[in-house]
Amino acid sequence: MRNGLIAMVAATAVVMTLAACAPSDQKPTATGGATCDKGALATLKSSVLTFGTDQPAYPPWFVDDNPANGKGFESAVAYAVADKLGYDTKNVAWVRVPFNAAIAPGPKTFDANVNEFSITDERKQAVDFSSPYYDVTQAVVTIKSSPAAKVTTLAGLKDLRLGAQVGTTSYDAAKALGAKAPVNVYNNNDDAKAALTNGQIDALVLDLPTAFQVESELTDGDIVGQLPSNTDKPEQFGIVLDKGSALTSCVSGAVDALRSDGTLAKLQQQWLAEAGNAPVLK
């Protein structure tokens, strides 16, 4: 939330299996008979597809805080979606939108937004989501001098001072742990890392790929472990669009095509492929 990190190996294997039996030139389709041809799409700017994301934009999702360079998993996914819809690189624009503002009700300054947005029923009341493009778990990261470094169980987390980014499912996951102290909230991961380094908190809750990236950036960073999923349905990232957007079905069709033709699996392998040691806490 700076290198490509952590593959969700099982999920990738499933995606690759699906890709093996799908045509490589599959095109997105919309529901209700609508066309997804570039010229027919109701974008904010004629012949331009505008993506939004937060600032700063963190690896491994983006590289060098520059979403327009096509580097990082989510930047690459955005350009792959654009390509499926007929937009080449020069016809893709980017705007910066704070995380919470992007999922708030009201008109948007973007056509679509990629920023590790987990698909939730609550958020669906305010915005549309595309089909999911990534399955994710939450994890806990700390530094070796922190008491969190000795924790090996979920129960051990309850005595810690935890932190997370505002408005995220990481914050929800941290709160659900039932720690004795309230979860500290930060506007971005840079602020959260500073709090951890300064001893204001004991550990951070982040999505797993970001946790590995943050671990590498911290002096003596350490992964405590992954949080188990409490439901049968995995947490999934989706592209955010304005509520009732005419683009939603076409963007979803593009994501579905990228999954079927193997592109999502290839991008995961390219940008999220370095495995790390993250035991599931019990």
C-alpha atoms as a PDB file:
ATOM      1  CA  MET A   1       0.000   0.000   0.000  1.00  0.00           C
ATOM      2  CA  ARG A   2      10.407  -2.209  -4.054  1.00  0.00           C
ATOM      3  CA  ASN A   3      10.387  -5.295  -5.801  1.00  0.00           C
ATOM      4  CA  GLY A   4       7.886  -7.940  -6.845  1.00  0.00           C
ATOM      5  CA  LEU A   5       7.122 -10.147  -3.871  1.00  0.00           C
ATOM      6  CA  ILE A   6       5.250 -13.291  -2.726  1.00  0.00           C
ATOM      7  CA  ALA A   7       3.194 -15.538  -4.914  1.00  0.00           C
ATOM      8  CA  MET A   8      -0.046 -16.967  -3.723  1.00  0.00           C
ATOM      9  CA  VAL A   9       1.121 -20.247  -5.228  1.00  0.00           C
ATOM     10  CA  ALA A  10      -2.074 -22.230  -4.964  1.00  0.00           C
ATOM     11  CA  ALA A  11      -4.179 -19.434  -6.426  1.00  0.00           C
ATOM     12  CA  THR A  12      -1.732 -18.955  -9.267  1.00  0.00           C
ATOM     13  CA  ALA A  13      -1.802 -22.670 -10.029  1.00  0.00           C
ATOM     14  CA  VAL A  14      -5.581 -22.555 -10.316  1.00  0.00           C
ATOM     15  CA  VAL A  15      -5.400 -19.557 -12.619  1.00  0.00           C
ATOM     16  CA  MET A  16      -2.794 -21.235 -14.807  1.00  0.00           C
ATOM     17  CA  THR A  17      -4.967 -24.357 -15.036  1.00  0.00           C
ATOM     18  CA  LEU A  18      -7.869 -22.264 -16.238  1.00  0.00           C
ATOM     19  CA  ALA A  19      -5.614 -20.467 -18.699  1.00  0.00           C
ATOM     20  CA  ALA A  20      -4.503 -23.730 -20.295  1.00  0.00           C
ATOM     21  CA  CYS A  21      -7.962 -24.354 -21.770  1.00  0.00           C
ATOM     22  CA  ALA A  22      -8.863 -20.791 -22.815  1.00  0.00           C
ATOM     23  CA  PRO A  23      -8.191 -18.945 -26.076  1.00  0.00           C
ATOM     24  CA  SER A  24      -5.420 -16.354 -25.878  1.00  0.00           C
ATOM     25  CA  ASP A  25      -7.346 -13.717 -27.856  1.00  0.00           C
ATOM     26  CA  GLN A  26     -10.511 -13.714 -25.739  1.00  0.00           C
ATOM     27  CA  LYS A  27     -12.207 -10.303 -25.784  1.00  0.00           C
ATOM     28  CA  PRO A  28     -14.273  -8.718 -22.996  1.00  0.00           C
ATOM     29  CA  THR A  29     -18.032  -8.847 -23.262  1.00  0.00           C
ATOM     30  CA  ALA A  30     -20.676  -6.816 -21.461  1.00  0.00           C
ATOM     31  CA  THR A  31     -24.014  -7.839 -20.028  1.00  0.00           C
ATOM     32  CA  GLY A  32     -27.283  -6.737 -21.583  1.00  0.00           C
ATOM     33  CA  GLY A  33     -25.948  -6.743 -25.131  1.00  0.00           C
ATOM     34  CA  ALA A  34     -23.794  -3.644 -24.646  1.00  0.00           C
ATOM     35  CA  THR A  35     -20.658  -3.243 -26.736  1.00  0.00           C
ATOM     36  CA  CYS A  36     -17.213  -2.945 -25.218  1.00  0.00           C
ATOM     37  CA  ASP A  37     -15.617  -1.414 -28.295  1.00  0.00           C
ATOM     38  CA  LYS A  38     -13.372   1.533 -27.431  1.00  0.00           C
ATOM     39  CA  GLY A  39     -15.441   4.033 -29.410  1.00  0.00           C
ATOM     40  CA  ALA A  40     -18.637   3.082 -27.567  1.00  0.00           C
ATOM     41  CA  LEU A  41     -17.312   3.350 -24.004  1.00  0.00           C
ATOM     42  CA  ALA A  42     -18.558   6.317 -21.950  1.00  0.00           C
ATOM     43  CA  THR A  43     -15.213   7.390 -20.478  1.00  0.00           C
ATOM     44  CA  LEU A  44     -14.635  10.737 -18.758  1.00  0.00           C
ATOM     45  CA  LYS A  45     -12.430  11.893 -21.632  1.00  0.00           C
ATOM     46  CA  SER A  46     -13.083  10.885 -25.208  1.00  0.00           C
ATOM     47  CA  SER A  47     -10.797   8.058 -26.364  1.00  0.00           C
ATOM     48  CA  VAL A  48      -8.945   8.077 -23.015  1.00  0.00           C
ATOM     49  CA  LEU A  49      -9.253   5.552 -20.187  1.00  0.00           C
ATOM     50  CA  THR A  50      -8.472   7.263 -16.856  1.00  0.00           C
ATOM     51  CA  PHE A  51      -7.231   5.152 -13.963  1.00  0.00           C
ATOM     52  CA  GLY A  52      -6.904   6.349 -10.396  1.00  0.00           C
ATOM     53  CA  THR A  53      -4.688   5.250  -7.535  1.00  0.00           C
ATOM     54  CA  ASP A  54      -3.407   6.633  -4.232  1.00  0.00           C
ATOM     55  CA  GLN A  55      -0.203   8.562  -3.592  1.00  0.00           C
ATOM     56  CA  PRO A  56       2.236   7.257  -2.682  1.00  0.00           C
ATOM     57  CA  ALA A  57       1.650   4.056  -4.611  1.00  0.00           C
ATOM     58  CA  TYR A  58       3.616   1.207  -3.045  1.00  0.00           C
ATOM     59  CA  PRO A  59       5.491  -1.828  -4.397  1.00  0.00           C
ATOM     60  CA  PRO A  60       4.941  -4.533  -5.340  1.00  0.00           C
ATOM     61  CA  TRP A  61       1.717  -3.055  -6.722  1.00  0.00           C
ATOM     62  CA  PHE A  62       3.494  -0.080  -8.327  1.00  0.00           C
ATOM     63  CA  VAL A  63       7.162   0.820  -8.794  1.00  0.00           C
ATOM     64  CA  ASP A  64       8.844   4.186  -8.084  1.00  0.00           C
ATOM     65  CA  ASP A  65       5.445   5.710  -7.173  1.00  0.00           C
ATOM     66  CA  ASN A  66       4.795   6.004 -10.910  1.00  0.00           C
ATOM     67  CA  PRO A  67       1.681   4.116 -12.022  1.00  0.00           C
ATOM     68  CA  ALA A  68       2.183   5.231 -15.620  1.00  0.00           C
ATOM     69  CA  ASN A  69       5.367   3.196 -16.078  1.00  0.00           C
ATOM     70  CA  GLY A  70       3.501  -0.120 -16.280  1.00  0.00           C
ATOM     71  CA  LYS A  71       5.701  -1.630 -13.572  1.00  0.00           C
ATOM     72  CA  GLY A  72       4.262  -3.393 -10.531  1.00  0.00           C
ATOM     73  CA  PHE A  73       1.350  -5.823 -10.423  1.00  0.00           C
ATOM     74  CA  GLU A  74      -1.549  -3.364 -10.353  1.00  0.00           C
ATOM     75  CA  SER A  75      -0.043  -0.983 -12.899  1.00  0.00           C
ATOM     76  CA  ALA A  76       0.475  -3.939 -15.217  1.00  0.00           C
ATOM     77  CA  VAL A  77      -3.097  -5.157 -14.610  1.00  0.00           C
ATOM     78  CA  ALA A  78      -4.464  -1.686 -15.416  1.00  0.00           C
ATOM     79  CA  TYR A  79      -2.623  -1.547 -18.731  1.00  0.00           C
ATOM     80  CA  ALA A  80      -3.669  -5.107 -19.556  1.00  0.00           C
ATOM     81  CA  VAL A  81      -7.318  -4.176 -18.929  1.00  0.00           C
ATOM     82  CA  ALA A  82      -6.899  -1.070 -21.085  1.00  0.00           C
ATOM     83  CA  ASP A  83      -5.413  -3.171 -23.878  1.00  0.00           C
ATOM     84  CA  LYS A  84      -8.341  -5.614 -23.750  1.00  0.00           C
ATOM     85  CA  LEU A  85     -10.676  -2.645 -24.161  1.00  0.00           C
ATOM     86  CA  GLY A  86      -8.715  -1.273 -27.123  1.00  0.00           C
ATOM     87  CA  TYR A  87      -6.715   1.499 -25.419  1.00  0.00           C
ATOM     88  CA  ASP A  88      -2.995   1.675 -26.099  1.00  0.00           C
ATOM     89  CA  THR A  89      -0.534   3.133 -23.600  1.00  0.00           C
ATOM     90  CA  LYS A  90      -0.758   6.709 -24.855  1.00  0.00           C
ATOM     91  CA  ASN A  91      -4.534   6.673 -24.369  1.00  0.00           C
ATOM     92  CA  VAL A  92      -4.311   5.733 -20.669  1.00  0.00           C
ATOM     93  CA  ALA A  93      -4.220   8.568 -18.105  1.00  0.00           C
ATOM     94  CA  TRP A  94      -3.696   8.490 -14.330  1.00  0.00           C
ATOM     95  CA  VAL A  95      -5.044  10.617 -11.471  1.00  0.00           C
ATOM     96  CA  ARG A  96      -4.233  10.395  -7.760  1.00  0.00           C
ATOM     97  CA  VAL A  97      -7.100   9.818  -5.348  1.00  0.00           C
ATOM     98  CA  PRO A  98      -6.816   9.060  -1.600  1.00  0.00           C
ATOM     99  CA  PHE A  99      -7.902   5.531  -0.705  1.00  0.00           C
ATOM    100  CA  ASN A 100     -10.994   6.548   1.275  1.00  0.00           C
ATOM    101  CA  ALA A 101     -12.092   9.148  -1.286  1.00  0.00           C
ATOM    102  CA  ALA A 102     -12.029   6.562  -4.056  1.00  0.00           C
ATOM    103  CA  ILE A 103     -14.601   4.346  -2.320  1.00  0.00           C
ATOM    104  CA  ALA A 104     -16.786   7.182  -1.008  1.00  0.00           C
ATOM    105  CA  PRO A 105     -20.162   7.896  -2.644  1.00  0.00           C
ATOM    106  CA  GLY A 106     -20.292  10.525  -5.358  1.00  0.00           C
ATOM    107  CA  PRO A 107     -18.917  11.296  -8.838  1.00  0.00           C
ATOM    108  CA  LYS A 108     -15.372  10.157  -9.583  1.00  0.00           C
ATOM    109  CA  THR A 109     -12.403  11.807 -11.257  1.00  0.00           C
ATOM    110  CA  PHE A 110     -11.457   8.418 -12.754  1.00  0.00           C
ATOM    111  CA  ASP A 111     -13.040   5.771 -14.932  1.00  0.00           C
ATOM    112  CA  ALA A 112     -11.501   2.945 -12.896  1.00  0.00           C
ATOM    113  CA  ASN A 113      -9.287   2.768  -9.805  1.00  0.00           C
ATOM    114  CA  VAL A 114      -6.715   0.142  -8.754  1.00  0.00           C
ATOM    115  CA  ASN A 115      -5.394   0.402  -5.204  1.00  0.00           C
ATOM    116  CA  GLU A 116      -5.665  -2.953  -3.444  1.00  0.00           C
ATOM    117  CA  PHE A 117      -9.398  -2.451  -2.906  1.00  0.00           C
ATOM    118  CA  SER A 118     -10.902  -5.508  -1.261  1.00  0.00           C
ATOM    119  CA  ILE A 119     -14.404  -6.264  -2.485  1.00  0.00           C
ATOM    120  CA  THR A 120     -16.885  -5.949   0.397  1.00  0.00           C
ATOM    121  CA  ASP A 121     -20.669  -5.702   0.600  1.00  0.00           C
ATOM    122  CA  GLU A 122     -20.377  -2.432   2.514  1.00  0.00           C
ATOM    123  CA  ARG A 123     -18.250  -0.820  -0.186  1.00  0.00           C
ATOM    124  CA  LYS A 124     -20.594  -2.098  -2.890  1.00  0.00           C
ATOM    125  CA  GLN A 125     -23.237   0.249  -1.519  1.00  0.00           C
ATOM    126  CA  ALA A 126     -21.137   3.234  -2.635  1.00  0.00           C
ATOM    127  CA  VAL A 127     -19.153   2.002  -5.654  1.00  0.00           C
ATOM    128  CA  ASP A 128     -19.029  -0.710  -8.290  1.00  0.00           C
ATOM    129  CA  PHE A 129     -16.349  -3.395  -8.404  1.00  0.00           C
ATOM    130  CA  SER A 130     -15.006  -5.331 -11.333  1.00  0.00           C
ATOM    131  CA  SER A 131     -14.533  -9.066 -11.232  1.00  0.00           C
ATOM    132  CA  PRO A 132     -11.723  -9.921  -8.777  1.00  0.00           C
ATOM    133  CA  TYR A 133      -8.175  -9.912 -10.110  1.00  0.00           C
ATOM    134  CA  TYR A 134      -6.311 -11.122  -6.998  1.00  0.00           C
ATOM    135  CA  ASP A 135      -6.933 -13.285  -3.919  1.00  0.00           C
ATOM    136  CA  VAL A 136      -5.166 -12.014  -0.803  1.00  0.00           C
ATOM    137  CA  THR A 137      -4.552 -12.761   2.856  1.00  0.00           C
ATOM    138  CA  GLN A 138      -3.566 -10.435   5.684  1.00  0.00           C
ATOM    139  CA  ALA A 139      -0.279 -10.633   7.574  1.00  0.00           C
ATOM    140  CA  VAL A 140       1.513  -9.073  10.552  1.00  0.00           C
ATOM    141  CA  VAL A 141       4.938  -7.406  10.192  1.00  0.00           C
ATOM    142  CA  THR A 142       7.201  -6.072  12.928  1.00  0.00           C
ATOM    143  CA  ILE A 143      10.857  -5.414  13.771  1.00  0.00           C
ATOM    144  CA  LYS A 144      13.084  -7.877  15.617  1.00  0.00           C
ATOM    145  CA  SER A 145      13.427  -5.644  18.702  1.00  0.00           C
ATOM    146  CA  SER A 146       9.650  -5.508  19.187  1.00  0.00           C
ATOM    147  CA  PRO A 147       7.781  -7.853  21.558  1.00  0.00           C
ATOM    148  CA  ALA A 148       5.766  -8.880  18.495  1.00  0.00           C
ATOM    149  CA  ALA A 149       8.801 -10.722  17.106  1.00  0.00           C
ATOM    150  CA  LYS A 150       8.326 -13.423  19.755  1.00  0.00           C
ATOM    151  CA  VAL A 151       4.629 -13.982  19.018  1.00  0.00           C
ATOM    152  CA  THR A 152       3.723 -17.308  17.419  1.00  0.00           C
ATOM    153  CA  THR A 153      -0.052 -17.494  18.002  1.00  0.00           C
ATOM    154  CA  LEU A 154      -3.179 -15.418  17.409  1.00  0.00           C
ATOM    155  CA  ALA A 155      -3.663 -15.149  21.165  1.00  0.00           C
ATOM    156  CA  GLY A 156      -0.234 -13.562  21.462  1.00  0.00           C
ATOM    157  CA  LEU A 157      -1.307 -10.703  19.206  1.00  0.00           C
ATOM    158  CA  LYS A 158      -3.901  -9.539  21.727  1.00  0.00           C
ATOM    159  CA  ASP A 159      -1.257  -8.041  23.996  1.00  0.00           C
ATOM    160  CA  LEU A 160       0.291  -5.981  21.190  1.00  0.00           C
ATOM    161  CA  ARG A 161      -0.209  -2.416  20.033  1.00  0.00           C
ATOM    162  CA  LEU A 162      -1.236  -2.864  16.403  1.00  0.00           C
ATOM    163  CA  GLY A 163      -1.420  -0.401  13.536  1.00  0.00           C
ATOM    164  CA  ALA A 164      -2.990  -0.335  10.067  1.00  0.00           C
ATOM    165  CA  GLN A 165      -3.893   2.044   7.251  1.00  0.00           C
ATOM    166  CA  VAL A 166      -7.195   3.881   7.602  1.00  0.00           C
ATOM    167  CA  GLY A 167     -10.216   2.488   5.762  1.00  0.00           C
ATOM    168  CA  THR A 168      -8.573  -0.795   4.763  1.00  0.00           C
ATOM    169  CA  THR A 169      -9.515  -4.405   5.322  1.00  0.00           C
ATOM    170  CA  SER A 170      -6.147  -4.661   7.071  1.00  0.00           C
ATOM    171  CA  TYR A 171      -7.575  -2.321   9.719  1.00  0.00           C
ATOM    172  CA  ASP A 172     -10.709  -4.477   9.930  1.00  0.00           C
ATOM    173  CA  ALA A 173      -8.564  -7.593  10.335  1.00  0.00           C
ATOM    174  CA  ALA A 174      -6.460  -5.942  13.043  1.00  0.00           C
ATOM    175  CA  LYS A 175      -9.564  -4.834  14.919  1.00  0.00           C
ATOM    176  CA  ALA A 176     -11.069  -8.323  14.696  1.00  0.00           C
ATOM    177  CA  LEU A 177      -8.088  -9.748  16.581  1.00  0.00           C
ATOM    178  CA  GLY A 178      -9.490  -8.261  19.780  1.00  0.00           C
ATOM    179  CA  ALA A 179      -6.265  -6.681  21.010  1.00  0.00           C
ATOM    180  CA  LYS A 180      -6.431  -5.024  24.416  1.00  0.00           C
ATOM    181  CA  ALA A 181      -5.319  -1.664  23.014  1.00  0.00           C
ATOM    182  CA  PRO A 182      -7.222   0.132  20.216  1.00  0.00           C
ATOM    183  CA  VAL A 183      -5.767  -0.295  16.741  1.00  0.00           C
ATOM    184  CA  ASN A 184      -3.692   2.734  15.721  1.00  0.00           C
ATOM    185  CA  VAL A 185      -4.724   4.171  12.356  1.00  0.00           C
ATOM    186  CA  TYR A 186      -2.436   5.810   9.778  1.00  0.00           C
ATOM    187  CA  ASN A 187      -3.050   7.666   6.532  1.00  0.00           C
ATOM    188  CA  ASN A 188      -0.471   5.598   4.661  1.00  0.00           C
ATOM    189  CA  ASN A 189       2.113   2.889   5.161  1.00  0.00           C
ATOM    190  CA  ASP A 190       5.010   5.346   5.417  1.00  0.00           C
ATOM    191  CA  ASP A 191       3.431   6.868   8.531  1.00  0.00           C
ATOM    192  CA  ALA A 192       2.746   3.384   9.889  1.00  0.00           C
ATOM    193  CA  LYS A 193       6.346   2.260   9.325  1.00  0.00           C
ATOM    194  CA  ALA A 194       7.629   5.353  11.135  1.00  0.00           C
ATOM    195  CA  ALA A 195       5.378   4.572  14.113  1.00  0.00           C
ATOM    196  CA  LEU A 196       6.691   1.007  14.217  1.00  0.00           C
ATOM    197  CA  THR A 197      10.307   2.123  13.993  1.00  0.00           C
ATOM    198  CA  ASN A 198       9.777   4.718  16.727  1.00  0.00           C
ATOM    199  CA  GLY A 199       8.238   2.172  19.086  1.00  0.00           C
ATOM    200  CA  GLN A 200       4.763   3.740  19.067  1.00  0.00           C
ATOM    201  CA  ILE A 201       3.273   0.417  17.969  1.00  0.00           C
ATOM    202  CA  ASP A 202       4.473  -3.183  18.114  1.00  0.00           C
ATOM    203  CA  ALA A 203       3.340  -4.464  14.723  1.00  0.00           C
ATOM    204  CA  LEU A 204       1.498  -3.608  11.495  1.00  0.00           C
ATOM    205  CA  VAL A 205      -1.282  -5.501   9.753  1.00  0.00           C
ATOM    206  CA  LEU A 206      -0.982  -5.425   5.950  1.00  0.00           C
ATOM    207  CA  ASP A 207      -1.951  -7.513   2.946  1.00  0.00           C
ATOM    208  CA  LEU A 208       0.655 -10.237   2.506  1.00  0.00           C
ATOM    209  CA  PRO A 209       2.584  -8.923  -0.543  1.00  0.00           C
ATOM    210  CA  THR A 210       2.803  -5.446   1.014  1.00  0.00           C
ATOM    211  CA  ALA A 211       3.901  -6.998   4.310  1.00  0.00           C
ATOM    212  CA  PHE A 212       6.873  -8.625   2.611  1.00  0.00           C
ATOM    213  CA  GLN A 213       7.747  -5.353   0.894  1.00  0.00           C
ATOM    214  CA  VAL A 214       7.533  -3.419   4.169  1.00  0.00           C
ATOM    215  CA  GLU A 215       9.620  -6.083   5.907  1.00  0.00           C
ATOM    216  CA  SER A 216      12.385  -5.520   3.353  1.00  0.00           C
ATOM    217  CA  GLU A 217      12.288  -1.743   3.880  1.00  0.00           C
ATOM    218  CA  LEU A 218      12.498  -1.847   7.682  1.00  0.00           C
ATOM    219  CA  THR A 219      15.737  -2.170   9.574  1.00  0.00           C
ATOM    220  CA  ASP A 220      15.512  -5.680  11.079  1.00  0.00           C
ATOM    221  CA  GLY A 221      12.032  -6.171   9.657  1.00  0.00           C
ATOM    222  CA  ASP A 222      10.309  -9.441  10.517  1.00  0.00           C
ATOM    223  CA  ILE A 223       7.126 -11.221   9.389  1.00  0.00           C
ATOM    224  CA  VAL A 224       5.176 -12.495  12.395  1.00  0.00           C
ATOM    225  CA  GLY A 225       2.827 -14.555  10.232  1.00  0.00           C
ATOM    226  CA  GLN A 226      -0.348 -14.669   8.158  1.00  0.00           C
ATOM    227  CA  LEU A 227      -3.812 -14.256   9.623  1.00  0.00           C
ATOM    228  CA  PRO A 228      -6.147 -17.157   8.868  1.00  0.00           C
ATOM    229  CA  SER A 229      -9.245 -16.501   6.807  1.00  0.00           C
ATOM    230  CA  ASN A 230     -12.424 -16.643   8.879  1.00  0.00           C
ATOM    231  CA  THR A 231     -14.649 -17.415   5.896  1.00  0.00           C
ATOM    232  CA  ASP A 232     -14.797 -19.905   3.031  1.00  0.00           C
ATOM    233  CA  LYS A 233     -14.630 -17.034   0.533  1.00  0.00           C
ATOM    234  CA  PRO A 234     -11.163 -15.500   0.076  1.00  0.00           C
ATOM    235  CA  GLU A 235     -10.586 -11.776   0.328  1.00  0.00           C
ATOM    236  CA  GLN A 236     -10.278 -10.462  -3.226  1.00  0.00           C
ATOM    237  CA  PHE A 237      -9.134  -7.243  -4.877  1.00  0.00           C
ATOM    238  CA  GLY A 238     -11.328  -5.595  -7.518  1.00  0.00           C
ATOM    239  CA  ILE A 239     -11.140  -2.499  -9.677  1.00  0.00           C
ATOM    240  CA  VAL A 240     -13.335   0.318  -8.339  1.00  0.00           C
ATOM    241  CA  LEU A 241     -15.739   2.232 -10.597  1.00  0.00           C
ATOM    242  CA  ASP A 242     -18.444   4.800  -9.970  1.00  0.00           C
ATOM    243  CA  LYS A 243     -21.699   3.349  -8.669  1.00  0.00           C
ATOM    244  CA  GLY A 244     -23.773   2.248 -11.643  1.00  0.00           C
ATOM    245  CA  SER A 245     -20.971   2.975 -14.102  1.00  0.00           C
ATOM    246  CA  ALA A 246     -21.668   1.991 -17.691  1.00  0.00           C
ATOM    247  CA  LEU A 247     -18.093   0.727 -17.800  1.00  0.00           C
ATOM    248  CA  THR A 248     -18.397  -1.851 -15.020  1.00  0.00           C
ATOM    249  CA  SER A 249     -19.475  -4.826 -17.113  1.00  0.00           C
ATOM    250  CA  CYS A 250     -16.827  -4.128 -19.756  1.00  0.00           C
ATOM    251  CA  VAL A 251     -14.034  -3.766 -17.208  1.00  0.00           C
ATOM    252  CA  SER A 252     -15.220  -6.977 -15.535  1.00  0.00           C
ATOM    253  CA  GLY A 253     -15.231  -8.677 -18.922  1.00  0.00           C
ATOM    254  CA  ALA A 254     -11.657  -7.532 -19.490  1.00  0.00           C
ATOM    255  CA  VAL A 255     -10.550  -8.901 -16.099  1.00  0.00           C
ATOM    256  CA  ASP A 256     -12.317 -12.200 -16.787  1.00  0.00           C
ATOM    257  CA  ALA A 257     -10.575 -12.444 -20.173  1.00  0.00           C
ATOM    258  CA  LEU A 258      -7.193 -11.746 -18.552  1.00  0.00           C
ATOM    259  CA  ARG A 259      -7.821 -14.531 -16.076  1.00  0.00           C
ATOM    260  CA  SER A 260      -8.906 -16.968 -18.780  1.00  0.00           C
ATOM    261  CA  ASP A 261      -6.039 -16.263 -21.178  1.00  0.00           C
ATOM    262  CA  GLY A 262      -3.419 -16.598 -18.439  1.00  0.00           C
ATOM    263  CA  THR A 263      -2.349 -12.957 -18.260  1.00  0.00           C
ATOM    264  CA  LEU A 264      -3.198 -12.528 -14.570  1.00  0.00           C
ATOM    265  CA  ALA A 265      -1.186 -15.634 -13.709  1.00  0.00           C
ATOM    266  CA  LYS A 266       1.794 -14.351 -15.698  1.00  0.00           C
ATOM    267  CA  LEU A 267       1.633 -10.925 -14.007  1.00  0.00           C
ATOM    268  CA  GLN A 268       1.441 -12.551 -10.574  1.00  0.00           C
ATOM    269  CA  GLN A 269       4.490 -14.619 -11.448  1.00  0.00           C
ATOM    270  CA  GLN A 270       6.344 -11.537 -12.697  1.00  0.00           C
ATOM    271  CA  TRP A 271       5.573  -9.121  -9.867  1.00  0.00           C
ATOM    272  CA  LEU A 272       4.518 -11.215  -6.878  1.00  0.00           C
ATOM    273  CA  ALA A 273       6.623 -14.324  -7.334  1.00  0.00           C
ATOM    274  CA  GLU A 274       9.291 -14.219  -4.608  1.00  0.00           C
ATOM    275  CA  ALA A 275       8.180 -16.595  -1.894  1.00  0.00           C
ATOM    276  CA  GLY A 276       8.734 -15.755   1.732  1.00  0.00           C
ATOM    277  CA  ASN A 277       8.354 -17.418   5.086  1.00  0.00           C
ATOM    278  CA  ALA A 278       4.957 -16.446   6.481  1.00  0.00           C
ATOM    279  CA  PRO A 279       3.452 -19.137   8.719  1.00  0.00           C
ATOM    280  CA  VAL A 280      -0.293 -19.042   9.317  1.00  0.00           C
ATOM    281  CA  LEU A 281      -0.926 -18.026  12.920  1.00  0.00           C
ATOM    282  CA  LYS A 282      -3.299 -20.246  14.907  1.00  0.00           C
END
